[in-house]
Amino acid sequence: MPVGSSRKGRRQRHRAAVAAHTRAQQRARAAGCTTIIEAIESVGPCSGAWATNAFPGNSWHQWGLAEDDYWLVDGEAIWSSRKLVNGLNGYKVWSEEAAKHGLRSLGAMGDWPHVQGPAESSPSRLYSLAQIDAAMRKRFGG
């Protein structure tokens, strides 16, 4: 079993993510980032399958600069980074093509479906919370 894939490992990662989000939420509130706070409060606590570790505004998806894709073979969605069709894997081809066009694939880090424009991993590496909040307000209203 891979390291960290046990139930205990998942619980530890979840607790760490919740703690990180709580700290980020406190920083956003202190900085007066009303759009980010409203997004969190309007959704409320969630349960169910994991979707993201990204705090609101801290994913390039929310900026319209990233996407997650699957490859389609004979009408069937393929999500495997190991399956070969005619000796090729769609995600590996996708990653190579993205790089040719100046895009960044996260396939080498295990997130094969993800391709983004910016090289930085997160908007928070380029922008302050206040700048992110303003960009999200402009993009989504609020």
N, C-alpha and C. Protein backbone atom coordinates (compact mmCIF):
# COMPACT_ATOMS: atom_id res chain seq x y z
N MET A 1 0.85 -1.18 0.00
CA MET A 1 0.00 0.00 0.00
C MET A 1 0.89 1.24 0.00
N PRO A 2 0.63 2.21 -0.87
CA PRO A 2 1.45 3.43 -0.90
C PRO A 2 1.42 4.18 0.42
N VAL A 3 2.51 4.87 0.70
CA VAL A 3 2.59 5.65 1.92
C VAL A 3 1.48 6.69 1.93
N GLY A 4 0.83 6.82 3.08
CA GLY A 4 -0.22 7.83 3.22
C GLY A 4 -1.56 7.45 2.63
N SER A 5 -1.70 6.23 2.09
CA SER A 5 -2.97 5.85 1.51
C SER A 5 -3.85 5.11 2.51
N SER A 6 -3.34 4.87 3.71
CA SER A 6 -4.15 4.21 4.72
C SER A 6 -5.24 5.15 5.21
N ARG A 7 -6.22 4.59 5.88
CA ARG A 7 -7.29 5.41 6.43
C ARG A 7 -6.72 6.44 7.41
N LYS A 8 -5.75 6.02 8.21
CA LYS A 8 -5.11 6.94 9.17
C LYS A 8 -4.40 8.06 8.41
N GLY A 9 -3.70 7.73 7.34
CA GLY A 9 -3.01 8.73 6.54
C GLY A 9 -3.98 9.72 5.91
N ARG A 10 -5.11 9.22 5.42
CA ARG A 10 -6.12 10.11 4.84
C ARG A 10 -6.70 11.03 5.89
N ARG A 11 -6.95 10.50 7.09
CA ARG A 11 -7.48 11.35 8.17
C ARG A 11 -6.47 12.43 8.55
N GLN A 12 -5.20 12.07 8.60
CA GLN A 12 -4.16 13.04 8.94
C GLN A 12 -4.08 14.13 7.87
N ARG A 13 -4.12 13.74 6.61
CA ARG A 13 -4.08 14.73 5.53
C ARG A 13 -5.31 15.63 5.57
N HIS A 14 -6.46 15.03 5.88
CA HIS A 14 -7.70 15.82 5.96
C HIS A 14 -7.60 16.83 7.11
N ARG A 15 -7.13 16.39 8.27
CA ARG A 15 -7.00 17.31 9.41
C ARG A 15 -6.02 18.45 9.07
N ALA A 16 -4.93 18.11 8.41
CA ALA A 16 -3.94 19.13 8.03
C ALA A 16 -4.55 20.11 7.04
N ALA A 17 -5.33 19.62 6.08
CA ALA A 17 -5.97 20.50 5.09
C ALA A 17 -7.00 21.41 5.77
N VAL A 18 -7.78 20.87 6.71
CA VAL A 18 -8.76 21.67 7.43
C VAL A 18 -8.06 22.76 8.23
N ALA A 19 -6.97 22.41 8.90
CA ALA A 19 -6.22 23.40 9.68
C ALA A 19 -5.64 24.49 8.77
N ALA A 20 -5.11 24.11 7.62
CA ALA A 20 -4.56 25.08 6.68
C ALA A 20 -5.66 26.00 6.15
N HIS A 21 -6.83 25.45 5.86
CA HIS A 21 -7.94 26.26 5.37
C HIS A 21 -8.43 27.21 6.46
N THR A 22 -8.45 26.74 7.69
CA THR A 22 -8.87 27.59 8.80
C THR A 22 -7.93 28.78 8.95
N ARG A 23 -6.63 28.53 8.88
CA ARG A 23 -5.65 29.63 8.96
C ARG A 23 -5.81 30.59 7.78
N ALA A 24 -5.99 30.04 6.59
CA ALA A 24 -6.17 30.89 5.40
C ALA A 24 -7.45 31.71 5.51
N GLN A 25 -8.49 31.11 6.04
CA GLN A 25 -9.76 31.81 6.21
C GLN A 25 -9.58 32.96 7.21
N GLN A 26 -8.84 32.73 8.28
CA GLN A 26 -8.57 33.79 9.26
C GLN A 26 -7.78 34.93 8.63
N ARG A 27 -6.78 34.60 7.80
CA ARG A 27 -6.00 35.64 7.11
C ARG A 27 -6.89 36.42 6.14
N ALA A 28 -7.75 35.71 5.41
CA ALA A 28 -8.64 36.37 4.46
C ALA A 28 -9.61 37.30 5.19
N ARG A 29 -10.14 36.86 6.29
CA ARG A 29 -11.07 37.69 7.06
C ARG A 29 -10.34 38.94 7.59
N ALA A 30 -9.13 38.75 8.12
CA ALA A 30 -8.35 39.87 8.65
C ALA A 30 -7.99 40.87 7.55
N ALA A 31 -7.81 40.39 6.33
CA ALA A 31 -7.46 41.26 5.21
C ALA A 31 -8.68 41.89 4.55
N GLY A 32 -9.88 41.56 5.06
CA GLY A 32 -11.10 42.14 4.50
C GLY A 32 -11.50 41.56 3.16
N CYS A 33 -11.13 40.32 2.91
CA CYS A 33 -11.41 39.66 1.62
C CYS A 33 -12.83 39.10 1.63
N THR A 34 -13.80 39.97 1.42
CA THR A 34 -15.21 39.59 1.57
C THR A 34 -15.67 38.57 0.53
N THR A 35 -15.17 38.65 -0.69
CA THR A 35 -15.61 37.71 -1.73
C THR A 35 -15.19 36.29 -1.39
N ILE A 36 -13.95 36.13 -0.94
CA ILE A 36 -13.46 34.80 -0.55
C ILE A 36 -14.25 34.27 0.65
N ILE A 37 -14.45 35.11 1.65
CA ILE A 37 -15.18 34.68 2.85
C ILE A 37 -16.62 34.32 2.49
N GLU A 38 -17.27 35.14 1.67
CA GLU A 38 -18.65 34.84 1.25
C GLU A 38 -18.72 33.51 0.50
N ALA A 39 -17.72 33.23 -0.33
CA ALA A 39 -17.71 31.95 -1.05
C ALA A 39 -17.65 30.78 -0.08
N ILE A 40 -16.81 30.89 0.93
CA ILE A 40 -16.68 29.81 1.92
C ILE A 40 -17.98 29.66 2.71
N GLU A 41 -18.49 30.78 3.20
CA GLU A 41 -19.67 30.72 4.06
C GLU A 41 -20.93 30.32 3.30
N SER A 42 -21.03 30.67 2.03
CA SER A 42 -22.22 30.30 1.26
C SER A 42 -22.25 28.81 0.96
N VAL A 43 -21.09 28.19 0.87
CA VAL A 43 -21.03 26.76 0.61
C VAL A 43 -21.17 25.98 1.91
N GLY A 44 -20.48 26.41 2.94
CA GLY A 44 -20.52 25.74 4.23
C GLY A 44 -19.72 24.46 4.22
N PRO A 45 -19.72 23.76 5.36
CA PRO A 45 -18.96 22.50 5.44
C PRO A 45 -19.47 21.50 4.42
N CYS A 46 -18.57 20.76 3.83
CA CYS A 46 -18.93 19.78 2.81
C CYS A 46 -18.46 18.40 3.23
N SER A 47 -19.15 17.42 2.75
CA SER A 47 -18.72 16.04 2.94
C SER A 47 -18.81 15.37 1.59
N GLY A 48 -18.25 14.20 1.52
CA GLY A 48 -18.28 13.48 0.25
C GLY A 48 -16.88 13.33 -0.31
N ALA A 49 -16.82 13.01 -1.57
CA ALA A 49 -15.54 12.74 -2.22
C ALA A 49 -14.69 14.01 -2.28
N TRP A 50 -13.39 13.84 -2.14
CA TRP A 50 -12.43 14.93 -2.22
C TRP A 50 -12.54 15.58 -3.59
N ALA A 51 -12.43 16.90 -3.62
CA ALA A 51 -12.45 17.60 -4.90
C ALA A 51 -11.20 18.45 -5.08
N THR A 52 -10.79 19.17 -4.03
CA THR A 52 -9.64 20.05 -4.16
C THR A 52 -9.08 20.42 -2.79
N ASN A 53 -7.83 20.77 -2.76
CA ASN A 53 -7.23 21.33 -1.56
C ASN A 53 -7.12 22.85 -1.68
N ALA A 54 -7.52 23.38 -2.81
CA ALA A 54 -7.33 24.80 -3.09
C ALA A 54 -8.33 25.67 -2.33
N PHE A 55 -7.81 26.68 -1.68
CA PHE A 55 -8.62 27.70 -1.03
C PHE A 55 -9.26 28.54 -2.13
N PRO A 56 -10.45 29.11 -1.92
CA PRO A 56 -11.09 29.91 -2.98
C PRO A 56 -10.15 30.96 -3.58
N GLY A 57 -10.08 30.95 -4.90
CA GLY A 57 -9.24 31.89 -5.62
C GLY A 57 -7.80 31.43 -5.78
N ASN A 58 -7.43 30.34 -5.15
CA ASN A 58 -6.05 29.86 -5.19
C ASN A 58 -5.84 28.70 -6.15
N SER A 59 -6.77 28.51 -7.03
CA SER A 59 -6.63 27.51 -8.10
C SER A 59 -6.74 28.23 -9.43
N TRP A 60 -5.88 27.87 -10.36
CA TRP A 60 -5.95 28.48 -11.69
C TRP A 60 -7.27 28.14 -12.38
N HIS A 61 -7.94 27.08 -11.93
CA HIS A 61 -9.26 26.76 -12.48
C HIS A 61 -10.21 27.94 -12.27
N GLN A 62 -10.16 28.54 -11.08
CA GLN A 62 -11.07 29.63 -10.75
C GLN A 62 -10.75 30.91 -11.53
N TRP A 63 -9.59 30.95 -12.12
CA TRP A 63 -9.19 32.09 -12.94
C TRP A 63 -9.45 31.81 -14.43
N GLY A 64 -9.93 30.61 -14.74
CA GLY A 64 -10.16 30.22 -16.12
C GLY A 64 -8.89 29.89 -16.88
N LEU A 65 -7.83 29.55 -16.13
CA LEU A 65 -6.52 29.29 -16.75
C LEU A 65 -6.03 27.86 -16.55
N ALA A 66 -6.94 26.96 -16.16
CA ALA A 66 -6.58 25.55 -16.00
C ALA A 66 -7.79 24.68 -16.32
N GLU A 67 -7.50 23.46 -16.68
CA GLU A 67 -8.58 22.50 -16.92
C GLU A 67 -8.10 21.10 -16.62
N ASP A 68 -9.06 20.25 -16.32
CA ASP A 68 -8.80 18.82 -16.14
C ASP A 68 -9.56 18.11 -17.24
N ASP A 69 -8.87 17.23 -17.93
CA ASP A 69 -9.46 16.55 -19.09
C ASP A 69 -9.31 15.04 -18.98
N TYR A 70 -10.04 14.36 -19.80
CA TYR A 70 -9.88 12.92 -19.99
C TYR A 70 -9.68 12.70 -21.47
N TRP A 71 -9.21 11.52 -21.80
CA TRP A 71 -9.09 11.22 -23.23
C TRP A 71 -10.20 10.27 -23.61
N LEU A 72 -10.68 10.42 -24.82
CA LEU A 72 -11.84 9.70 -25.30
C LEU A 72 -11.41 8.68 -26.35
N VAL A 73 -11.77 7.42 -26.13
CA VAL A 73 -11.43 6.35 -27.06
C VAL A 73 -12.72 5.59 -27.37
N ASP A 74 -13.11 5.61 -28.62
CA ASP A 74 -14.33 4.92 -29.06
C ASP A 74 -15.53 5.27 -28.19
N GLY A 75 -15.65 6.57 -27.86
CA GLY A 75 -16.79 7.03 -27.07
C GLY A 75 -16.68 6.77 -25.58
N GLU A 76 -15.57 6.23 -25.12
CA GLU A 76 -15.39 5.91 -23.70
C GLU A 76 -14.35 6.86 -23.09
N ALA A 77 -14.73 7.45 -21.93
CA ALA A 77 -13.79 8.32 -21.21
C ALA A 77 -12.71 7.45 -20.56
N ILE A 78 -11.47 7.79 -20.81
CA ILE A 78 -10.33 7.06 -20.22
C ILE A 78 -9.64 8.01 -19.25
N TRP A 79 -9.53 7.58 -18.00
CA TRP A 79 -8.90 8.39 -16.96
C TRP A 79 -7.57 7.80 -16.53
N SER A 80 -7.12 6.76 -17.19
CA SER A 80 -5.91 6.05 -16.79
C SER A 80 -4.65 6.68 -17.37
N SER A 81 -3.65 6.83 -16.52
CA SER A 81 -2.35 7.29 -17.00
C SER A 81 -1.47 6.12 -17.40
N ARG A 82 -2.01 4.90 -17.32
CA ARG A 82 -1.24 3.70 -17.66
C ARG A 82 -1.75 3.00 -18.92
N LYS A 83 -3.03 3.16 -19.21
CA LYS A 83 -3.62 2.46 -20.35
C LYS A 83 -3.00 2.95 -21.65
N LEU A 84 -2.67 2.00 -22.52
CA LEU A 84 -2.13 2.32 -23.83
C LEU A 84 -3.14 1.97 -24.91
N VAL A 85 -3.26 2.83 -25.90
CA VAL A 85 -4.08 2.58 -27.07
C VAL A 85 -3.17 2.83 -28.27
N ASN A 86 -3.00 1.81 -29.08
CA ASN A 86 -2.05 1.89 -30.20
C ASN A 86 -0.66 2.31 -29.72
N GLY A 87 -0.29 1.81 -28.54
CA GLY A 87 1.04 2.07 -27.99
C GLY A 87 1.21 3.44 -27.35
N LEU A 88 0.13 4.20 -27.24
CA LEU A 88 0.22 5.55 -26.68
C LEU A 88 -0.72 5.71 -25.50
N ASN A 89 -0.34 6.56 -24.57
CA ASN A 89 -1.22 6.95 -23.49
C ASN A 89 -1.66 8.39 -23.73
N GLY A 90 -2.95 8.62 -23.73
CA GLY A 90 -3.50 9.93 -24.03
C GLY A 90 -2.99 11.03 -23.12
N TYR A 91 -2.82 10.75 -21.84
CA TYR A 91 -2.34 11.79 -20.92
C TYR A 91 -0.89 12.16 -21.20
N LYS A 92 -0.09 11.16 -21.56
CA LYS A 92 1.31 11.47 -21.85
C LYS A 92 1.40 12.31 -23.13
N VAL A 93 0.59 11.97 -24.12
CA VAL A 93 0.54 12.77 -25.35
C VAL A 93 0.05 14.18 -25.03
N TRP A 94 -1.01 14.27 -24.23
CA TRP A 94 -1.59 15.55 -23.82
C TRP A 94 -0.55 16.42 -23.12
N SER A 95 0.22 15.82 -22.22
CA SER A 95 1.25 16.53 -21.48
C SER A 95 2.33 17.07 -22.42
N GLU A 96 2.77 16.25 -23.35
CA GLU A 96 3.79 16.66 -24.32
C GLU A 96 3.28 17.79 -25.21
N GLU A 97 2.05 17.66 -25.68
CA GLU A 97 1.47 18.70 -26.54
C GLU A 97 1.27 20.00 -25.78
N ALA A 98 0.84 19.91 -24.54
CA ALA A 98 0.66 21.11 -23.72
C ALA A 98 1.98 21.86 -23.59
N ALA A 99 3.06 21.13 -23.32
CA ALA A 99 4.38 21.76 -23.17
C ALA A 99 4.81 22.45 -24.46
N LYS A 100 4.51 21.86 -25.61
CA LYS A 100 4.86 22.47 -26.89
C LYS A 100 4.19 23.83 -27.08
N HIS A 101 3.06 24.01 -26.41
CA HIS A 101 2.29 25.25 -26.56
C HIS A 101 2.43 26.18 -25.36
N GLY A 102 3.45 25.91 -24.53
CA GLY A 102 3.72 26.79 -23.40
C GLY A 102 2.82 26.58 -22.20
N LEU A 103 2.11 25.48 -22.18
CA LEU A 103 1.24 25.16 -21.04
C LEU A 103 1.95 24.22 -20.09
N ARG A 104 1.48 24.15 -18.87
CA ARG A 104 2.09 23.29 -17.85
C ARG A 104 1.16 22.15 -17.50
N SER A 105 1.65 20.94 -17.67
CA SER A 105 0.92 19.75 -17.26
C SER A 105 1.43 19.36 -15.88
N LEU A 106 0.53 18.89 -15.04
CA LEU A 106 0.94 18.40 -13.73
C LEU A 106 1.05 16.88 -13.72
N GLY A 107 1.12 16.29 -14.91
CA GLY A 107 1.23 14.84 -15.03
C GLY A 107 2.42 14.26 -14.30
N ALA A 108 3.56 14.91 -14.37
CA ALA A 108 4.76 14.39 -13.70
C ALA A 108 4.57 14.32 -12.20
N MET A 109 3.60 15.09 -11.66
CA MET A 109 3.32 15.06 -10.22
C MET A 109 2.14 14.15 -9.92
N GLY A 110 1.66 13.43 -10.93
CA GLY A 110 0.57 12.48 -10.71
C GLY A 110 -0.81 13.01 -11.02
N ASP A 111 -0.92 14.28 -11.38
CA ASP A 111 -2.23 14.86 -11.72
C ASP A 111 -2.33 14.96 -13.23
N TRP A 112 -2.41 13.80 -13.89
CA TRP A 112 -2.38 13.73 -15.34
C TRP A 112 -3.47 14.51 -16.04
N PRO A 113 -4.68 14.59 -15.52
CA PRO A 113 -5.72 15.33 -16.25
C PRO A 113 -5.49 16.85 -16.28
N HIS A 114 -4.65 17.38 -15.39
CA HIS A 114 -4.54 18.83 -15.19
C HIS A 114 -3.52 19.48 -16.13
N VAL A 115 -3.96 20.54 -16.79
CA VAL A 115 -3.08 21.39 -17.60
C VAL A 115 -3.46 22.83 -17.27
N GLN A 116 -2.44 23.68 -17.13
CA GLN A 116 -2.69 25.09 -16.82
C GLN A 116 -1.78 25.99 -17.62
N GLY A 117 -2.16 27.25 -17.72
CA GLY A 117 -1.35 28.23 -18.43
C GLY A 117 -0.17 28.70 -17.61
N PRO A 118 -0.41 29.28 -16.43
CA PRO A 118 0.70 29.81 -15.64
C PRO A 118 1.66 28.73 -15.14
N ALA A 119 2.93 29.09 -15.08
CA ALA A 119 3.93 28.15 -14.56
C ALA A 119 3.85 28.03 -13.04
N GLU A 120 3.43 29.11 -12.37
CA GLU A 120 3.32 29.08 -10.91
C GLU A 120 2.24 28.09 -10.50
N SER A 121 2.46 27.40 -9.41
CA SER A 121 1.52 26.37 -8.97
C SER A 121 0.20 26.95 -8.50
N SER A 122 0.20 28.17 -7.99
CA SER A 122 -1.01 28.76 -7.43
C SER A 122 -0.98 30.28 -7.60
N PRO A 123 -2.16 30.89 -7.76
CA PRO A 123 -2.21 32.35 -7.80
C PRO A 123 -1.60 33.00 -6.55
N SER A 124 -1.66 32.30 -5.42
CA SER A 124 -1.13 32.87 -4.18
C SER A 124 0.38 33.05 -4.22
N ARG A 125 1.04 32.46 -5.19
CA ARG A 125 2.48 32.67 -5.34
C ARG A 125 2.78 33.97 -6.11
N LEU A 126 1.74 34.52 -6.74
CA LEU A 126 1.92 35.75 -7.52
C LEU A 126 1.16 36.94 -6.95
N TYR A 127 0.04 36.66 -6.26
CA TYR A 127 -0.85 37.73 -5.83
C TYR A 127 -1.12 37.66 -4.33
N SER A 128 -1.41 38.81 -3.75
CA SER A 128 -1.81 38.87 -2.34
C SER A 128 -3.25 38.38 -2.21
N LEU A 129 -3.68 38.12 -0.98
CA LEU A 129 -5.07 37.73 -0.75
C LEU A 129 -6.02 38.83 -1.24
N ALA A 130 -5.66 40.08 -1.00
CA ALA A 130 -6.52 41.18 -1.44
C ALA A 130 -6.63 41.22 -2.97
N GLN A 131 -5.54 40.97 -3.67
CA GLN A 131 -5.57 40.95 -5.14
C GLN A 131 -6.40 39.77 -5.64
N ILE A 132 -6.26 38.62 -4.99
CA ILE A 132 -7.05 37.44 -5.37
C ILE A 132 -8.53 37.72 -5.14
N ASP A 133 -8.84 38.30 -3.98
CA ASP A 133 -10.23 38.62 -3.66
C ASP A 133 -10.82 39.55 -4.71
N ALA A 134 -10.08 40.59 -5.08
CA ALA A 134 -10.56 41.54 -6.09
C ALA A 134 -10.76 40.86 -7.45
N ALA A 135 -9.85 39.98 -7.82
CA ALA A 135 -9.98 39.26 -9.10
C ALA A 135 -11.19 38.34 -9.09
N MET A 136 -11.44 37.66 -7.97
CA MET A 136 -12.60 36.77 -7.89
C MET A 136 -13.90 37.58 -7.89
N ARG A 137 -13.91 38.74 -7.25
CA ARG A 137 -15.08 39.62 -7.26
C ARG A 137 -15.38 40.07 -8.69
N LYS A 138 -14.33 40.45 -9.41
CA LYS A 138 -14.51 40.89 -10.80
C LYS A 138 -14.99 39.73 -11.68
N ARG A 139 -14.45 38.56 -11.45
CA ARG A 139 -14.79 37.40 -12.27
C ARG A 139 -16.18 36.85 -11.98
N PHE A 140 -16.54 36.78 -10.69
CA PHE A 140 -17.77 36.10 -10.29
C PHE A 140 -18.84 37.03 -9.69
N GLY A 141 -18.50 38.29 -9.49
CA GLY A 141 -19.45 39.21 -8.86
C GLY A 141 -19.33 39.13 -7.34
N GLY A 142 -20.08 39.96 -6.68
CA GLY A 142 -20.05 39.89 -5.22
C GLY A 142 -19.90 41.21 -4.56
